[in-house]
Amino acid sequence: MSRTIIIEKHGGPEALKLVDREIGDPGPGEIRIRHHAVGLNFIDVYQRTGLYPLTMPHALGMEAAGMVEAVGKGVTHLKEGDRAAYAAMPPAPMRRPASCRPPRSAPCPTRSRTRTRRR
């Protein structure tokens, strides 16, 4: 299960609804990401208020980063356990919240293992 913020109608912050959603296996060309960081931007506010009309219900959020949990057939640039991020997913009603298609998903660099020494 995944917790997702959705809107079922335009409005103020009271229109936001936290729901549990089932996430299936990724389809061909998709990956499933366990989100570690999710962006909230003005476009999400604009969508909620109706400035940018959407088909309802709609899951908010257009960018995130996390760990790849599964890859669908044909995905070659990422594997399970990789850190990955995506941005600017096109709006789609009730999109599986943690699935995205390449090339919109990209590997994240690992942390540097070098340290500076104090003298």
C-alpha atoms as a PDB file:
ATOM      1  CA  MET A   1       0.000   0.000   0.000  1.00  0.00           C
ATOM      2  CA  SER A   2       1.045   3.543  -0.664  1.00  0.00           C
ATOM      3  CA  ARG A   3      -0.276   6.698   0.955  1.00  0.00           C
ATOM      4  CA  THR A   4      -1.098   9.306  -1.677  1.00  0.00           C
ATOM      5  CA  ILE A   5      -2.516  12.817  -1.608  1.00  0.00           C
ATOM      6  CA  ILE A   6      -5.359  13.158  -4.102  1.00  0.00           C
ATOM      7  CA  ILE A   7      -7.981  15.723  -4.985  1.00  0.00           C
ATOM      8  CA  GLU A   8     -11.463  14.767  -6.102  1.00  0.00           C
ATOM      9  CA  LYS A   9     -12.597  18.355  -6.694  1.00  0.00           C
ATOM     10  CA  HIS A  10     -10.920  21.744  -6.945  1.00  0.00           C
ATOM     11  CA  GLY A  11     -10.684  23.867  -3.819  1.00  0.00           C
ATOM     12  CA  GLY A  12      -8.498  25.015  -0.970  1.00  0.00           C
ATOM     13  CA  PRO A  13      -6.306  22.898   1.290  1.00  0.00           C
ATOM     14  CA  GLU A  14      -9.458  21.166   2.562  1.00  0.00           C
ATOM     15  CA  ALA A  15      -9.730  19.467  -0.877  1.00  0.00           C
ATOM     16  CA  LEU A  16      -6.578  17.428  -0.167  1.00  0.00           C
ATOM     17  CA  LYS A  17      -7.341  13.844   0.749  1.00  0.00           C
ATOM     18  CA  LEU A  18      -4.873  11.223   2.048  1.00  0.00           C
ATOM     19  CA  VAL A  19      -5.731   7.771   0.686  1.00  0.00           C
ATOM     20  CA  ASP A  20      -4.156   4.320   0.671  1.00  0.00           C
ATOM     21  CA  ARG A  21      -3.600   2.943  -2.814  1.00  0.00           C
ATOM     22  CA  GLU A  22      -2.444  -0.422  -4.050  1.00  0.00           C
ATOM     23  CA  ILE A  23       0.692  -0.303  -6.202  1.00  0.00           C
ATOM     24  CA  GLY A  24       1.117  -3.118  -8.651  1.00  0.00           C
ATOM     25  CA  ASP A  25       4.171  -4.408 -10.414  1.00  0.00           C
ATOM     26  CA  PRO A  26       5.700  -2.060 -12.992  1.00  0.00           C
ATOM     27  CA  GLY A  27       4.598  -2.608 -16.556  1.00  0.00           C
ATOM     28  CA  PRO A  28       6.879  -2.720 -19.604  1.00  0.00           C
ATOM     29  CA  GLY A  29       9.238   0.259 -19.591  1.00  0.00           C
ATOM     30  CA  GLU A  30       8.234   1.309 -16.052  1.00  0.00           C
ATOM     31  CA  ILE A  31       9.994   1.301 -12.689  1.00  0.00           C
ATOM     32  CA  ARG A  32       8.577   1.272  -9.162  1.00  0.00           C
ATOM     33  CA  ILE A  33      10.242   3.661  -6.713  1.00  0.00           C
ATOM     34  CA  ARG A  34      10.020   3.745  -2.925  1.00  0.00           C
ATOM     35  CA  HIS A  35       9.865   7.496  -2.410  1.00  0.00           C
ATOM     36  CA  HIS A  36      12.379   9.062  -0.023  1.00  0.00           C
ATOM     37  CA  ALA A  37      11.735  12.688  -1.037  1.00  0.00           C
ATOM     38  CA  VAL A  38       8.737  14.175  -2.848  1.00  0.00           C
ATOM     39  CA  GLY A  39       8.491  17.744  -4.130  1.00  0.00           C
ATOM     40  CA  LEU A  40       5.514  20.010  -3.570  1.00  0.00           C
ATOM     41  CA  ASN A  41       5.498  22.962  -5.933  1.00  0.00           C
ATOM     42  CA  PHE A  42       3.224  25.763  -7.071  1.00  0.00           C
ATOM     43  CA  ILE A  43       1.955  23.633  -9.954  1.00  0.00           C
ATOM     44  CA  ASP A  44       0.402  21.309  -7.351  1.00  0.00           C
ATOM     45  CA  VAL A  45      -1.344  24.316  -5.765  1.00  0.00           C
ATOM     46  CA  TYR A  46      -2.484  25.548  -9.190  1.00  0.00           C
ATOM     47  CA  GLN A  47      -3.884  22.101  -9.995  1.00  0.00           C
ATOM     48  CA  ARG A  48      -5.673  21.910  -6.644  1.00  0.00           C
ATOM     49  CA  THR A  49      -7.285  25.339  -7.060  1.00  0.00           C
ATOM     50  CA  GLY A  50      -8.420  24.652 -10.636  1.00  0.00           C
ATOM     51  CA  LEU A  51      -6.107  27.125 -12.361  1.00  0.00           C
ATOM     52  CA  TYR A  52      -4.874  24.116 -14.353  1.00  0.00           C
ATOM     53  CA  PRO A  53      -7.986  21.961 -14.866  1.00  0.00           C
ATOM     54  CA  LEU A  54      -7.523  18.204 -14.480  1.00  0.00           C
ATOM     55  CA  THR A  55      -9.541  15.039 -14.817  1.00  0.00           C
ATOM     56  CA  MET A  56     -10.590  13.931 -11.338  1.00  0.00           C
ATOM     57  CA  PRO A  57      -9.606  12.208  -9.150  1.00  0.00           C
ATOM     58  CA  HIS A  58      -6.000  13.357  -9.462  1.00  0.00           C
ATOM     59  CA  ALA A  59      -2.882  12.350  -7.499  1.00  0.00           C
ATOM     60  CA  LEU A  60      -0.713  15.403  -6.808  1.00  0.00           C
ATOM     61  CA  GLY A  61       3.058  15.463  -7.170  1.00  0.00           C
ATOM     62  CA  MET A  62       5.236  15.663 -10.239  1.00  0.00           C
ATOM     63  CA  GLU A  63       8.716  14.927  -8.906  1.00  0.00           C
ATOM     64  CA  ALA A  64      10.356  12.624  -6.411  1.00  0.00           C
ATOM     65  CA  ALA A  65      13.464  10.625  -5.604  1.00  0.00           C
ATOM     66  CA  GLY A  66      13.982   7.300  -3.927  1.00  0.00           C
ATOM     67  CA  MET A  67      15.093   3.696  -4.300  1.00  0.00           C
ATOM     68  CA  VAL A  68      14.121   1.473  -7.238  1.00  0.00           C
ATOM     69  CA  GLU A  69      12.093  -1.460  -5.903  1.00  0.00           C
ATOM     70  CA  ALA A  70      11.295  -3.150  -9.208  1.00  0.00           C
ATOM     71  CA  VAL A  71      11.827  -2.685 -12.932  1.00  0.00           C
ATOM     72  CA  GLY A  72       9.553  -3.645 -15.780  1.00  0.00           C
ATOM     73  CA  LYS A  73      10.497  -5.453 -18.953  1.00  0.00           C
ATOM     74  CA  GLY A  74      12.772  -3.444 -21.227  1.00  0.00           C
ATOM     75  CA  VAL A  75      14.245  -1.144 -18.555  1.00  0.00           C
ATOM     76  CA  THR A  76      18.013  -1.287 -18.894  1.00  0.00           C
ATOM     77  CA  HIS A  77      19.325   1.946 -17.367  1.00  0.00           C
ATOM     78  CA  LEU A  78      18.156   1.174 -13.815  1.00  0.00           C
ATOM     79  CA  LYS A  79      18.037  -1.907 -11.613  1.00  0.00           C
ATOM     80  CA  GLU A  80      16.525  -2.853  -8.269  1.00  0.00           C
ATOM     81  CA  GLY A  81      18.355  -1.048  -5.460  1.00  0.00           C
ATOM     82  CA  ASP A  82      19.465   1.941  -7.588  1.00  0.00           C
ATOM     83  CA  ARG A  83      18.737   5.469  -6.394  1.00  0.00           C
ATOM     84  CA  ALA A  84      16.593   7.269  -8.962  1.00  0.00           C
ATOM     85  CA  ALA A  85      14.584  10.447  -9.477  1.00  0.00           C
ATOM     86  CA  TYR A  86      11.921  11.727 -11.828  1.00  0.00           C
ATOM     87  CA  ALA A  87      10.408  15.111 -12.610  1.00  0.00           C
ATOM     88  CA  ALA A  88       7.586  16.695 -14.594  1.00  0.00           C
ATOM     89  CA  MET A  89       5.400  13.633 -15.057  1.00  0.00           C
ATOM     90  CA  PRO A  90       2.363  14.521 -17.155  1.00  0.00           C
ATOM     91  CA  PRO A  91      -0.850  14.683 -15.120  1.00  0.00           C
ATOM     92  CA  ALA A  92      -2.940  11.522 -15.269  1.00  0.00           C
ATOM     93  CA  PRO A  93      -5.856  10.597 -13.047  1.00  0.00           C
ATOM     94  CA  MET A  94      -4.984   7.997 -10.428  1.00  0.00           C
ATOM     95  CA  ARG A  95      -1.557   7.299 -11.928  1.00  0.00           C
ATOM     96  CA  ARG A  96       0.226   4.617  -9.998  1.00  0.00           C
ATOM     97  CA  PRO A  97       2.024   6.963  -7.628  1.00  0.00           C
ATOM     98  CA  ALA A  98       5.410   5.298  -7.787  1.00  0.00           C
ATOM     99  CA  SER A  99       5.662   4.248 -11.422  1.00  0.00           C
ATOM    100  CA  CYS A 100       7.337   6.176 -14.191  1.00  0.00           C
ATOM    101  CA  ARG A 101       8.718   5.557 -17.646  1.00  0.00           C
ATOM    102  CA  PRO A 102      12.187   6.275 -18.981  1.00  0.00           C
ATOM    103  CA  PRO A 103      13.575   8.686 -20.033  1.00  0.00           C
ATOM    104  CA  ARG A 104      11.767  10.603 -17.296  1.00  0.00           C
ATOM    105  CA  SER A 105      13.490   8.525 -14.638  1.00  0.00           C
ATOM    106  CA  ALA A 106      17.211   8.929 -14.061  1.00  0.00           C
ATOM    107  CA  PRO A 107      19.838   7.418 -11.789  1.00  0.00           C
ATOM    108  CA  CYS A 108      20.965   9.527  -8.835  1.00  0.00           C
ATOM    109  CA  PRO A 109      24.665   9.760  -8.088  1.00  0.00           C
ATOM    110  CA  THR A 110      25.859   7.960  -4.992  1.00  0.00           C
ATOM    111  CA  ARG A 111      27.373   9.945  -2.173  1.00  0.00           C
ATOM    112  CA  SER A 112      31.045  10.683  -2.496  1.00  0.00           C
ATOM    113  CA  ARG A 113      33.216   8.431  -0.405  1.00  0.00           C
ATOM    114  CA  THR A 114      36.076  10.900  -0.295  1.00  0.00           C
ATOM    115  CA  ARG A 115      36.682  12.957   2.797  1.00  0.00           C
ATOM    116  CA  THR A 116      38.810  15.964   3.336  1.00  0.00           C
ATOM    117  CA  ARG A 117      41.421  15.568   6.011  1.00  0.00           C
ATOM    118  CA  ARG A 118      41.863  18.197   8.645  1.00  0.00           C
ATOM    119  CA  ARG A 119      45.403  19.273   9.279  1.00  0.00           C
END
